[in-house]
């Protein structure tokens, strides 16, 4: 697997097929509305309580007499493995276990108006997508299912939601200001995108491209369903990454942002929330406008001969910093530092 949408699609097919253990588990999944949770257009908020119900069921069975006596107490892996058993569908046992495990790490983080923000926080020790992670014999799979320490803390999950709200506010402000084509807007467009050889033609073209692009970015920031998770391939070096998104989206009907360690390091620091909002805007320009990564703020974003208008206007960090600057969140010191 190469992206979260593939995991989502696989989980959806597994829960639609059913066939979990007859020992009460299929009924629990049905009562929790798990089939409905995985809709064709993303997680359905009508079934937002489903993952909590599954976590409670796993926890209760883990702490029960049978589990305490035979499996040594807190052994969620054993409980999940057993819940996925079905003699009539043994070939797909692992897929059911992976799906159930995925659900136990899924959270409806926030609800704002018509938007639901979800976070999938996989175990820290996983280095692959859940369906690729569960390999080997029964004991190996159970051991993997029993990895429970999650990648994102509660503080980090809240920080994602807060940063998204700021990204939405900034994108909406940018969209509105671009439509005015005021002197202020033109000044900032020149600052972030136009080199010394650029003129009115490039200015008008840049404003048109930015206007069309930020209309899309603002809409994505306000999507009905949005998912934060991480990208397993980056796990070994996630501390140096802020985030990522698939250019053009993933085709699943809802946007996904991959959040990495550098983003999480700002959790709880309200003074740096703008940096995380900038990251979300950066990634959504990839998602919606197919921007590229020619330059980053730490390598210098000033338009010039070596970084001309033609590159700046398609550069994700230039778009994001322009928006943060226009909305008034970028300090003079940071602006000077970035524009070198």
Foldseek 3Di string as FASTA:
>chain_A
DFDVLVVLVLLLVDLVVQQWDPPCLSVLQVVLVVNQLSDLQHGDVVSQCSLVSLLVVLQPVLQDPVNCVPVPGRQSLVVLLNRLDGPVPRVCSLSSSLSSLQSNQKHQLDDDDLATEIERWHALPDLARSSVRQDDDPVSNSVRSRRDHTPDDNLLSVLLVVLLVVLLVLLVLQLVVLVVVDPVLLVLCCFQFAEPVDDPVLSVVLSVLLNVLSVQLNCLSRDSYEYEYAGSNCSVPLLPDAWAFAQQHDPSNHGYIHGGNVVSVCRPPVLCSLVNNLVSQLRVCRRRVVADAPDALQRARAAYPVCHNVNRSRHSSSSSVSSCVSVPSDDPVSSVSRHD
